Amino acid sequence: MSRRIPVCTVEELAPGERKLAFVDGRGIVLFNLAGVIHAIDNTCPHNGAAMAGGQLEGNVLRCPAHGLRFDLRTGCMPGADGPCLTTFPVHAVDGRWVVSLQD
């Protein structure tokens, strides 16, 4: 079963911006990449580093701790087998970005 949690208004996340939200004690980072919204867990699957401050290169986010790179569209490392970020479906509902979380 999934829960739909509103995390911010559509206006709070302009193209090129990111927003860190906290839902049930867990950090979720939303990215607006050219009008497409992606949501990931704020924790690197390699060592638990916070991903919100990672360097963004196009669709790829670099972990600030060890430099691992993750494609925000898939959550996975481009061109390599390895750990993947946890991603979440996100939709606009009544002017707010809503993240779907599995229970």
PDB file of N, CA and C in Angstrom:
ATOM      1  N   MET A   1       0.848  -1.179   0.000  1.00  0.00           N
ATOM      2  CA  MET A   1       0.000   0.000   0.000  1.00  0.00           C
ATOM      3  C   MET A   1       0.892   1.240   0.000  1.00  0.00           C
ATOM      4  N   SER A   2       0.494   2.260  -0.745  1.00  0.00           N
ATOM      5  CA  SER A   2       1.297   3.479  -0.783  1.00  0.00           C
ATOM      6  C   SER A   2       0.524   4.653  -0.197  1.00  0.00           C
ATOM      7  N   ARG A   3       1.295   5.581   0.332  1.00  0.00           N
ATOM      8  CA  ARG A   3       0.732   6.825   0.862  1.00  0.00           C
ATOM      9  C   ARG A   3       1.218   7.955  -0.027  1.00  0.00           C
ATOM     10  N   ARG A   4       0.358   8.918  -0.245  1.00  0.00           N
ATOM     11  CA  ARG A   4       0.713  10.092  -1.050  1.00  0.00           C
ATOM     12  C   ARG A   4       0.883  11.272  -0.100  1.00  0.00           C
ATOM     13  N   ILE A   5       2.111  11.807  -0.047  1.00  0.00           N
ATOM     14  CA  ILE A   5       2.452  12.857   0.902  1.00  0.00           C
ATOM     15  C   ILE A   5       2.794  14.145   0.149  1.00  0.00           C
ATOM     16  N   PRO A   6       2.041  15.234   0.390  1.00  0.00           N
ATOM     17  CA  PRO A   6       2.413  16.516  -0.222  1.00  0.00           C
ATOM     18  C   PRO A   6       3.679  17.051   0.452  1.00  0.00           C
ATOM     19  N   VAL A   7       4.653  17.516  -0.361  1.00  0.00           N
ATOM     20  CA  VAL A   7       5.919  17.958   0.213  1.00  0.00           C
ATOM     21  C   VAL A   7       6.216  19.441  -0.015  1.00  0.00           C
ATOM     22  N   CYS A   8       5.680  20.042  -1.071  1.00  0.00           N
ATOM     23  CA  CYS A   8       5.877  21.473  -1.303  1.00  0.00           C
ATOM     24  C   CYS A   8       4.943  21.924  -2.414  1.00  0.00           C
ATOM     25  N   THR A   9       4.839  23.237  -2.578  1.00  0.00           N
ATOM     26  CA  THR A   9       4.025  23.751  -3.674  1.00  0.00           C
ATOM     27  C   THR A   9       4.823  23.672  -4.972  1.00  0.00           C
ATOM     28  N   VAL A  10       4.122  23.665  -6.069  1.00  0.00           N
ATOM     29  CA  VAL A  10       4.764  23.630  -7.386  1.00  0.00           C
ATOM     30  C   VAL A  10       5.675  24.850  -7.556  1.00  0.00           C
ATOM     31  N   GLU A  11       5.252  26.012  -7.055  1.00  0.00           N
ATOM     32  CA  GLU A  11       6.036  27.239  -7.184  1.00  0.00           C
ATOM     33  C   GLU A  11       7.351  27.193  -6.420  1.00  0.00           C
ATOM     34  N   GLU A  12       7.454  26.358  -5.392  1.00  0.00           N
ATOM     35  CA  GLU A  12       8.675  26.269  -4.583  1.00  0.00           C
ATOM     36  C   GLU A  12       9.808  25.534  -5.285  1.00  0.00           C
ATOM     37  N   LEU A  13       9.545  24.934  -6.434  1.00  0.00           N
ATOM     38  CA  LEU A  13      10.558  24.114  -7.099  1.00  0.00           C
ATOM     39  C   LEU A  13      10.653  24.488  -8.574  1.00  0.00           C
ATOM     40  N   ALA A  14      11.353  25.575  -8.845  1.00  0.00           N
ATOM     41  CA  ALA A  14      11.524  26.054 -10.220  1.00  0.00           C
ATOM     42  C   ALA A  14      12.542  25.181 -10.957  1.00  0.00           C
ATOM     43  N   PRO A  15      12.530  25.196 -12.292  1.00  0.00           N
ATOM     44  CA  PRO A  15      13.525  24.431 -13.047  1.00  0.00           C
ATOM     45  C   PRO A  15      14.948  24.750 -12.591  1.00  0.00           C
ATOM     46  N   GLY A  16      15.734  23.698 -12.404  1.00  0.00           N
ATOM     47  CA  GLY A  16      17.108  23.837 -11.954  1.00  0.00           C
ATOM     48  C   GLY A  16      17.277  23.837 -10.446  1.00  0.00           C
ATOM     49  N   GLU A  17      16.168  23.837  -9.709  1.00  0.00           N
ATOM     50  CA  GLU A  17      16.246  23.879  -8.251  1.00  0.00           C
ATOM     51  C   GLU A  17      16.031  22.497  -7.639  1.00  0.00           C
ATOM     52  N   ARG A  18      16.400  22.392  -6.370  1.00  0.00           N
ATOM     53  CA  ARG A  18      16.164  21.179  -5.579  1.00  0.00           C
ATOM     54  C   ARG A  18      15.568  21.582  -4.243  1.00  0.00           C
ATOM     55  N   LYS A  19      14.882  20.656  -3.615  1.00  0.00           N
ATOM     56  CA  LYS A  19      14.251  20.929  -2.316  1.00  0.00           C
ATOM     57  C   LYS A  19      14.352  19.693  -1.458  1.00  0.00           C
ATOM     58  N   LEU A  20      14.846  19.871  -0.242  1.00  0.00           N
ATOM     59  CA  LEU A  20      14.909  18.789   0.735  1.00  0.00           C
ATOM     60  C   LEU A  20      13.668  18.866   1.612  1.00  0.00           C
ATOM     61  N   ALA A  21      12.939  17.769   1.693  1.00  0.00           N
ATOM     62  CA  ALA A  21      11.741  17.691   2.532  1.00  0.00           C
ATOM     63  C   ALA A  21      11.909  16.521   3.499  1.00  0.00           C
ATOM     64  N   PHE A  22      11.247  16.604   4.629  1.00  0.00           N
ATOM     65  CA  PHE A  22      11.298  15.522   5.612  1.00  0.00           C
ATOM     66  C   PHE A  22       9.911  14.926   5.768  1.00  0.00           C
ATOM     67  N   VAL A  23       9.830  13.618   5.576  1.00  0.00           N
ATOM     68  CA  VAL A  23       8.565  12.891   5.659  1.00  0.00           C
ATOM     69  C   VAL A  23       8.768  11.717   6.601  1.00  0.00           C
ATOM     70  N   ASP A  24       8.024  11.696   7.692  1.00  0.00           N
ATOM     71  CA  ASP A  24       8.131  10.613   8.674  1.00  0.00           C
ATOM     72  C   ASP A  24       9.574  10.368   9.100  1.00  0.00           C
ATOM     73  N   GLY A  25      10.342  11.438   9.300  1.00  0.00           N
ATOM     74  CA  GLY A  25      11.714  11.325   9.762  1.00  0.00           C
ATOM     75  C   GLY A  25      12.733  10.965   8.699  1.00  0.00           C
ATOM     76  N   ARG A  26      12.321  10.870   7.467  1.00  0.00           N
ATOM     77  CA  ARG A  26      13.251  10.528   6.382  1.00  0.00           C
ATOM     78  C   ARG A  26      13.356  11.708   5.434  1.00  0.00           C
ATOM     79  N   GLY A  27      14.585  11.963   4.967  1.00  0.00           N
ATOM     80  CA  GLY A  27      14.823  13.042   4.033  1.00  0.00           C
ATOM     81  C   GLY A  27      14.567  12.592   2.605  1.00  0.00           C
ATOM     82  N   ILE A  28      13.840  13.402   1.869  1.00  0.00           N
ATOM     83  CA  ILE A  28      13.563  13.160   0.450  1.00  0.00           C
ATOM     84  C   ILE A  28      13.947  14.428  -0.301  1.00  0.00           C
ATOM     85  N   VAL A  29      14.728  14.264  -1.373  1.00  0.00           N
ATOM     86  CA  VAL A  29      15.161  15.412  -2.167  1.00  0.00           C
ATOM     87  C   VAL A  29      14.420  15.398  -3.496  1.00  0.00           C
ATOM     88  N   LEU A  30      13.800  16.533  -3.811  1.00  0.00           N
ATOM     89  CA  LEU A  30      13.132  16.701  -5.093  1.00  0.00           C
ATOM     90  C   LEU A  30      14.001  17.580  -5.977  1.00  0.00           C
ATOM     91  N   PHE A  31      14.126  17.211  -7.245  1.00  0.00           N
ATOM     92  CA  PHE A  31      14.899  17.952  -8.231  1.00  0.00           C
ATOM     93  C   PHE A  31      13.985  18.296  -9.388  1.00  0.00           C
ATOM     94  N   ASN A  32      14.058  19.538  -9.858  1.00  0.00           N
ATOM     95  CA  ASN A  32      13.348  19.948 -11.058  1.00  0.00           C
ATOM     96  C   ASN A  32      14.382  20.044 -12.167  1.00  0.00           C
ATOM     97  N   LEU A  33      14.398  19.039 -13.041  1.00  0.00           N
ATOM     98  CA  LEU A  33      15.334  19.004 -14.156  1.00  0.00           C
ATOM     99  C   LEU A  33      14.571  19.348 -15.432  1.00  0.00           C
ATOM    100  N   ALA A  34      14.678  20.598 -15.842  1.00  0.00           N
ATOM    101  CA  ALA A  34      14.018  21.090 -17.056  1.00  0.00           C
ATOM    102  C   ALA A  34      12.516  20.810 -17.037  1.00  0.00           C
ATOM    103  N   GLY A  35      11.897  21.009 -15.873  1.00  0.00           N
ATOM    104  CA  GLY A  35      10.455  20.833 -15.752  1.00  0.00           C
ATOM    105  C   GLY A  35      10.000  19.436 -15.377  1.00  0.00           C
ATOM    106  N   VAL A  36      10.916  18.476 -15.307  1.00  0.00           N
ATOM    107  CA  VAL A  36      10.586  17.109 -14.885  1.00  0.00           C
ATOM    108  C   VAL A  36      11.053  16.942 -13.440  1.00  0.00           C
ATOM    109  N   ILE A  37      10.163  16.506 -12.565  1.00  0.00           N
ATOM    110  CA  ILE A  37      10.471  16.375 -11.147  1.00  0.00           C
ATOM    111  C   ILE A  37      10.903  14.945 -10.833  1.00  0.00           C
ATOM    112  N   HIS A  38      12.007  14.839 -10.107  1.00  0.00           N
ATOM    113  CA  HIS A  38      12.528  13.547  -9.654  1.00  0.00           C
ATOM    114  C   HIS A  38      12.647  13.616  -8.139  1.00  0.00           C
ATOM    115  N   ALA A  39      12.324  12.517  -7.458  1.00  0.00           N
ATOM    116  CA  ALA A  39      12.423  12.461  -6.003  1.00  0.00           C
ATOM    117  C   ALA A  39      13.260  11.255  -5.607  1.00  0.00           C
ATOM    118  N   ILE A  40      14.234  11.498  -4.713  1.00  0.00           N
ATOM    119  CA  ILE A  40      15.115  10.431  -4.234  1.00  0.00           C
ATOM    120  C   ILE A  40      15.224  10.486  -2.713  1.00  0.00           C
ATOM    121  N   ASP A  41      15.611   9.371  -2.135  1.00  0.00           N
ATOM    122  CA  ASP A  41      15.960   9.335  -0.718  1.00  0.00           C
ATOM    123  C   ASP A  41      17.241  10.149  -0.547  1.00  0.00           C
ATOM    124  N   ASN A  42      17.358  10.879   0.544  1.00  0.00           N
ATOM    125  CA  ASN A  42      18.524  11.736   0.774  1.00  0.00           C
ATOM    126  C   ASN A  42      19.744  10.942   1.246  1.00  0.00           C
ATOM    127  N   THR A  43      19.692   9.637   1.239  1.00  0.00           N
ATOM    128  CA  THR A  43      20.774   8.808   1.756  1.00  0.00           C
ATOM    129  C   THR A  43      21.466   8.052   0.637  1.00  0.00           C
ATOM    130  N   CYS A  44      22.784   8.188   0.550  1.00  0.00           N
ATOM    131  CA  CYS A  44      23.561   7.429  -0.423  1.00  0.00           C
ATOM    132  C   CYS A  44      23.525   5.950  -0.031  1.00  0.00           C
ATOM    133  N   PRO A  45      23.255   5.052  -0.981  1.00  0.00           N
ATOM    134  CA  PRO A  45      23.195   3.629  -0.648  1.00  0.00           C
ATOM    135  C   PRO A  45      24.576   3.038  -0.337  1.00  0.00           C
ATOM    136  N   HIS A  46      25.634   3.757  -0.651  1.00  0.00           N
ATOM    137  CA  HIS A  46      26.988   3.255  -0.410  1.00  0.00           C
ATOM    138  C   HIS A  46      27.404   3.427   1.044  1.00  0.00           C
ATOM    139  N   ASN A  47      27.249   4.654   1.576  1.00  0.00           N
ATOM    140  CA  ASN A  47      27.713   4.873   2.946  1.00  0.00           C
ATOM    141  C   ASN A  47      26.799   5.768   3.773  1.00  0.00           C
ATOM    142  N   GLY A  48      25.633   6.116   3.256  1.00  0.00           N
ATOM    143  CA  GLY A  48      24.667   6.889   4.026  1.00  0.00           C
ATOM    144  C   GLY A  48      24.842   8.393   3.974  1.00  0.00           C
ATOM    145  N   ALA A  49      25.749   8.900   3.136  1.00  0.00           N
ATOM    146  CA  ALA A  49      25.954  10.351   3.044  1.00  0.00           C
ATOM    147  C   ALA A  49      24.687  11.040   2.548  1.00  0.00           C
ATOM    148  N   ALA A  50      24.507  12.290   2.962  1.00  0.00           N
ATOM    149  CA  ALA A  50      23.368  13.085   2.508  1.00  0.00           C
ATOM    150  C   ALA A  50      23.581  13.496   1.052  1.00  0.00           C
ATOM    151  N   MET A  51      22.604  13.202   0.210  1.00  0.00           N
ATOM    152  CA  MET A  51      22.709  13.472  -1.227  1.00  0.00           C
ATOM    153  C   MET A  51      22.238  14.872  -1.618  1.00  0.00           C
ATOM    154  N   ALA A  52      21.520  15.561  -0.733  1.00  0.00           N
ATOM    155  CA  ALA A  52      20.931  16.857  -1.079  1.00  0.00           C
ATOM    156  C   ALA A  52      21.967  17.872  -1.539  1.00  0.00           C
ATOM    157  N   GLY A  53      23.190  17.784  -1.024  1.00  0.00           N
ATOM    158  CA  GLY A  53      24.229  18.735  -1.377  1.00  0.00           C
ATOM    159  C   GLY A  53      25.146  18.262  -2.488  1.00  0.00           C
ATOM    160  N   GLY A  54      24.797  17.155  -3.132  1.00  0.00           N
ATOM    161  CA  GLY A  54      25.644  16.623  -4.192  1.00  0.00           C
ATOM    162  C   GLY A  54      25.676  17.512  -5.420  1.00  0.00           C
ATOM    163  N   GLN A  55      26.770  17.408  -6.173  1.00  0.00           N
ATOM    164  CA  GLN A  55      26.918  18.187  -7.402  1.00  0.00           C
ATOM    165  C   GLN A  55      26.084  17.566  -8.510  1.00  0.00           C
ATOM    166  N   LEU A  56      25.302  18.394  -9.184  1.00  0.00           N
ATOM    167  CA  LEU A  56      24.435  17.948 -10.263  1.00  0.00           C
ATOM    168  C   LEU A  56      25.087  18.260 -11.596  1.00  0.00           C
ATOM    169  N   GLU A  57      25.196  17.235 -12.449  1.00  0.00           N
ATOM    170  CA  GLU A  57      25.761  17.373 -13.787  1.00  0.00           C
ATOM    171  C   GLU A  57      24.732  16.828 -14.766  1.00  0.00           C
ATOM    172  N   GLY A  58      23.877  17.708 -15.276  1.00  0.00           N
ATOM    173  CA  GLY A  58      22.781  17.260 -16.136  1.00  0.00           C
ATOM    174  C   GLY A  58      21.785  16.462 -15.312  1.00  0.00           C
ATOM    175  N   ASN A  59      21.607  15.177 -15.664  1.00  0.00           N
ATOM    176  CA  ASN A  59      20.704  14.294 -14.920  1.00  0.00           C
ATOM    177  C   ASN A  59      21.432  13.477 -13.863  1.00  0.00           C
ATOM    178  N   VAL A  60      22.732  13.689 -13.710  1.00  0.00           N
ATOM    179  CA  VAL A  60      23.546  12.853 -12.834  1.00  0.00           C
ATOM    180  C   VAL A  60      23.941  13.627 -11.582  1.00  0.00           C
ATOM    181  N   LEU A  61      23.706  12.997 -10.428  1.00  0.00           N
ATOM    182  CA  LEU A  61      24.027  13.577  -9.126  1.00  0.00           C
ATOM    183  C   LEU A  61      25.240  12.845  -8.556  1.00  0.00           C
ATOM    184  N   ARG A  62      26.231  13.626  -8.138  1.00  0.00           N
ATOM    185  CA  ARG A  62      27.457  13.059  -7.568  1.00  0.00           C
ATOM    186  C   ARG A  62      27.358  13.093  -6.047  1.00  0.00           C
ATOM    187  N   CYS A  63      27.602  11.948  -5.406  1.00  0.00           N
ATOM    188  CA  CYS A  63      27.602  11.864  -3.948  1.00  0.00           C
ATOM    189  C   CYS A  63      28.734  12.739  -3.407  1.00  0.00           C
ATOM    190  N   PRO A  64      28.439  13.605  -2.429  1.00  0.00           N
ATOM    191  CA  PRO A  64      29.480  14.484  -1.906  1.00  0.00           C
ATOM    192  C   PRO A  64      30.539  13.751  -1.076  1.00  0.00           C
ATOM    193  N   ALA A  65      30.271  12.540  -0.632  1.00  0.00           N
ATOM    194  CA  ALA A  65      31.222  11.822   0.226  1.00  0.00           C
ATOM    195  C   ALA A  65      32.298  11.083  -0.572  1.00  0.00           C
ATOM    196  N   HIS A  66      31.895  10.278  -1.551  1.00  0.00           N
ATOM    197  CA  HIS A  66      32.863   9.455  -2.272  1.00  0.00           C
ATOM    198  C   HIS A  66      32.806   9.623  -3.791  1.00  0.00           C
ATOM    199  N   GLY A  67      31.964  10.525  -4.280  1.00  0.00           N
ATOM    200  CA  GLY A  67      31.953  10.815  -5.702  1.00  0.00           C
ATOM    201  C   GLY A  67      31.169   9.843  -6.568  1.00  0.00           C
ATOM    202  N   LEU A  68      30.475   8.866  -5.962  1.00  0.00           N
ATOM    203  CA  LEU A  68      29.665   7.972  -6.787  1.00  0.00           C
ATOM    204  C   LEU A  68      28.620   8.800  -7.524  1.00  0.00           C
ATOM    205  N   ARG A  69      28.317   8.402  -8.745  1.00  0.00           N
ATOM    206  CA  ARG A  69      27.390   9.146  -9.595  1.00  0.00           C
ATOM    207  C   ARG A  69      26.116   8.334  -9.789  1.00  0.00           C
ATOM    208  N   PHE A  70      24.966   9.014  -9.715  1.00  0.00           N
ATOM    209  CA  PHE A  70      23.665   8.374  -9.871  1.00  0.00           C
ATOM    210  C   PHE A  70      22.813   9.179 -10.843  1.00  0.00           C
ATOM    211  N   ASP A  71      22.189   8.476 -11.785  1.00  0.00           N
ATOM    212  CA  ASP A  71      21.271   9.106 -12.728  1.00  0.00           C
ATOM    213  C   ASP A  71      19.936   9.299 -12.012  1.00  0.00           C
ATOM    214  N   LEU A  72      19.488  10.535 -11.889  1.00  0.00           N
ATOM    215  CA  LEU A  72      18.250  10.810 -11.160  1.00  0.00           C
ATOM    216  C   LEU A  72      17.021  10.223 -11.846  1.00  0.00           C
ATOM    217  N   ARG A  73      17.105   9.957 -13.146  1.00  0.00           N
ATOM    218  CA  ARG A  73      15.956   9.377 -13.852  1.00  0.00           C
ATOM    219  C   ARG A  73      15.724   7.927 -13.455  1.00  0.00           C
ATOM    220  N   THR A  74      16.785   7.209 -13.103  1.00  0.00           N
ATOM    221  CA  THR A  74      16.663   5.786 -12.759  1.00  0.00           C
ATOM    222  C   THR A  74      17.052   5.493 -11.318  1.00  0.00           C
ATOM    223  N   GLY A  75      17.858   6.369 -10.734  1.00  0.00           N
ATOM    224  CA  GLY A  75      18.401   6.141  -9.403  1.00  0.00           C
ATOM    225  C   GLY A  75      19.687   5.323  -9.419  1.00  0.00           C
ATOM    226  N   CYS A  76      20.064   4.795 -10.588  1.00  0.00           N
ATOM    227  CA  CYS A  76      21.205   3.887 -10.683  1.00  0.00           C
ATOM    228  C   CYS A  76      22.457   4.588 -11.197  1.00  0.00           C
ATOM    229  N   MET A  77      23.579   3.921 -10.989  1.00  0.00           N
ATOM    230  CA  MET A  77      24.857   4.430 -11.481  1.00  0.00           C
ATOM    231  C   MET A  77      24.902   4.236 -12.993  1.00  0.00           C
ATOM    232  N   PRO A  78      25.219   5.295 -13.763  1.00  0.00           N
ATOM    233  CA  PRO A  78      25.226   5.150 -15.217  1.00  0.00           C
ATOM    234  C   PRO A  78      26.328   4.200 -15.693  1.00  0.00           C
ATOM    235  N   GLY A  79      25.937   3.254 -16.530  1.00  0.00           N
ATOM    236  CA  GLY A  79      26.878   2.349 -17.159  1.00  0.00           C
ATOM    237  C   GLY A  79      27.581   1.379 -16.249  1.00  0.00           C
ATOM    238  N   ALA A  80      27.105   1.190 -15.041  1.00  0.00           N
ATOM    239  CA  ALA A  80      27.793   0.287 -14.116  1.00  0.00           C
ATOM    240  C   ALA A  80      26.781  -0.425 -13.233  1.00  0.00           C
ATOM    241  N   ASP A  81      27.140  -1.644 -12.859  1.00  0.00           N
ATOM    242  CA  ASP A  81      26.352  -2.327 -11.836  1.00  0.00           C
ATOM    243  C   ASP A  81      26.789  -1.765 -10.493  1.00  0.00           C
ATOM    244  N   GLY A  82      25.880  -1.635  -9.609  1.00  0.00           N
ATOM    245  CA  GLY A  82      26.224  -1.104  -8.298  1.00  0.00           C
ATOM    246  C   GLY A  82      24.969  -0.701  -7.570  1.00  0.00           C
ATOM    247  N   PRO A  83      25.142  -0.052  -6.443  1.00  0.00           N
ATOM    248  CA  PRO A  83      23.967   0.355  -5.666  1.00  0.00           C
ATOM    249  C   PRO A  83      23.171   1.423  -6.396  1.00  0.00           C
ATOM    250  N   CYS A  84      21.892   1.470  -6.100  1.00  0.00           N
ATOM    251  CA  CYS A  84      20.998   2.477  -6.675  1.00  0.00           C
ATOM    252  C   CYS A  84      20.367   3.292  -5.552  1.00  0.00           C
ATOM    253  N   LEU A  85      20.094   4.547  -5.843  1.00  0.00           N
ATOM    254  CA  LEU A  85      19.338   5.385  -4.923  1.00  0.00           C
ATOM    255  C   LEU A  85      17.893   4.908  -4.885  1.00  0.00           C
ATOM    256  N   THR A  86      17.240   5.118  -3.770  1.00  0.00           N
ATOM    257  CA  THR A  86      15.804   4.877  -3.696  1.00  0.00           C
ATOM    258  C   THR A  86      15.101   6.061  -4.340  1.00  0.00           C
ATOM    259  N   THR A  87      14.246   5.783  -5.309  1.00  0.00           N
ATOM    260  CA  THR A  87      13.488   6.830  -5.986  1.00  0.00           C
ATOM    261  C   THR A  87      12.017   6.711  -5.611  1.00  0.00           C
ATOM    262  N   PHE A  88      11.296   7.801  -5.763  1.00  0.00           N
ATOM    263  CA  PHE A  88       9.881   7.838  -5.416  1.00  0.00           C
ATOM    264  C   PHE A  88       9.089   8.473  -6.552  1.00  0.00           C
ATOM    265  N   PRO A  89       7.914   7.917  -6.849  1.00  0.00           N
ATOM    266  CA  PRO A  89       7.026   8.588  -7.814  1.00  0.00           C
ATOM    267  C   PRO A  89       6.578   9.938  -7.237  1.00  0.00           C
ATOM    268  N   VAL A  90       6.499  10.941  -8.088  1.00  0.00           N
ATOM    269  CA  VAL A  90       6.052  12.263  -7.658  1.00  0.00           C
ATOM    270  C   VAL A  90       5.117  12.828  -8.726  1.00  0.00           C
ATOM    271  N   HIS A  91       4.038  13.463  -8.264  1.00  0.00           N
ATOM    272  CA  HIS A  91       3.017  14.007  -9.157  1.00  0.00           C
ATOM    273  C   HIS A  91       2.543  15.351  -8.616  1.00  0.00           C
ATOM    274  N   ALA A  92       2.066  16.206  -9.504  1.00  0.00           N
ATOM    275  CA  ALA A  92       1.447  17.467  -9.098  1.00  0.00           C
ATOM    276  C   ALA A  92      -0.030  17.202  -8.815  1.00  0.00           C
ATOM    277  N   VAL A  93      -0.474  17.611  -7.634  1.00  0.00           N
ATOM    278  CA  VAL A  93      -1.873  17.472  -7.238  1.00  0.00           C
ATOM    279  C   VAL A  93      -2.289  18.777  -6.556  1.00  0.00           C
ATOM    280  N   ASP A  94      -3.272  19.441  -7.141  1.00  0.00           N
ATOM    281  CA  ASP A  94      -3.798  20.684  -6.575  1.00  0.00           C
ATOM    282  C   ASP A  94      -2.700  21.695  -6.259  1.00  0.00           C
ATOM    283  N   GLY A  95      -1.739  21.860  -7.164  1.00  0.00           N
ATOM    284  CA  GLY A  95      -0.702  22.862  -6.991  1.00  0.00           C
ATOM    285  C   GLY A  95       0.419  22.477  -6.048  1.00  0.00           C
ATOM    286  N   ARG A  96       0.477  21.201  -5.651  1.00  0.00           N
ATOM    287  CA  ARG A  96       1.528  20.730  -4.744  1.00  0.00           C
ATOM    288  C   ARG A  96       2.209  19.513  -5.349  1.00  0.00           C
ATOM    289  N   TRP A  97       3.507  19.337  -5.056  1.00  0.00           N
ATOM    290  CA  TRP A  97       4.192  18.105  -5.427  1.00  0.00           C
ATOM    291  C   TRP A  97       3.924  17.081  -4.352  1.00  0.00           C
ATOM    292  N   VAL A  98       3.459  15.909  -4.789  1.00  0.00           N
ATOM    293  CA  VAL A  98       3.071  14.820  -3.890  1.00  0.00           C
ATOM    294  C   VAL A  98       3.955  13.621  -4.184  1.00  0.00           C
ATOM    295  N   VAL A  99       4.606  13.102  -3.136  1.00  0.00           N
ATOM    296  CA  VAL A  99       5.473  11.940  -3.252  1.00  0.00           C
ATOM    297  C   VAL A  99       4.714  10.708  -2.765  1.00  0.00           C
ATOM    298  N   SER A 100       4.832   9.602  -3.512  1.00  0.00           N
ATOM    299  CA  SER A 100       4.202   8.337  -3.118  1.00  0.00           C
ATOM    300  C   SER A 100       5.218   7.473  -2.388  1.00  0.00           C
ATOM    301  N   LEU A 101       4.880   7.072  -1.165  1.00  0.00           N
ATOM    302  CA  LEU A 101       5.741   6.216  -0.341  1.00  0.00           C
ATOM    303  C   LEU A 101       5.066   4.883  -0.099  1.00  0.00           C
ATOM    304  N   GLN A 102       5.841   3.821  -0.218  1.00  0.00           N
ATOM    305  CA  GLN A 102       5.317   2.483   0.076  1.00  0.00           C
ATOM    306  C   GLN A 102       5.361   2.253   1.579  1.00  0.00           C
ATOM    307  N   ASP A 103       4.300   1.683   2.130  1.00  0.00           N
ATOM    308  CA  ASP A 103       4.272   1.324   3.562  1.00  0.00           C
ATOM    309  C   ASP A 103       4.975   0.013   3.793  1.00  0.00           C
TER     310      ASP A 103
END
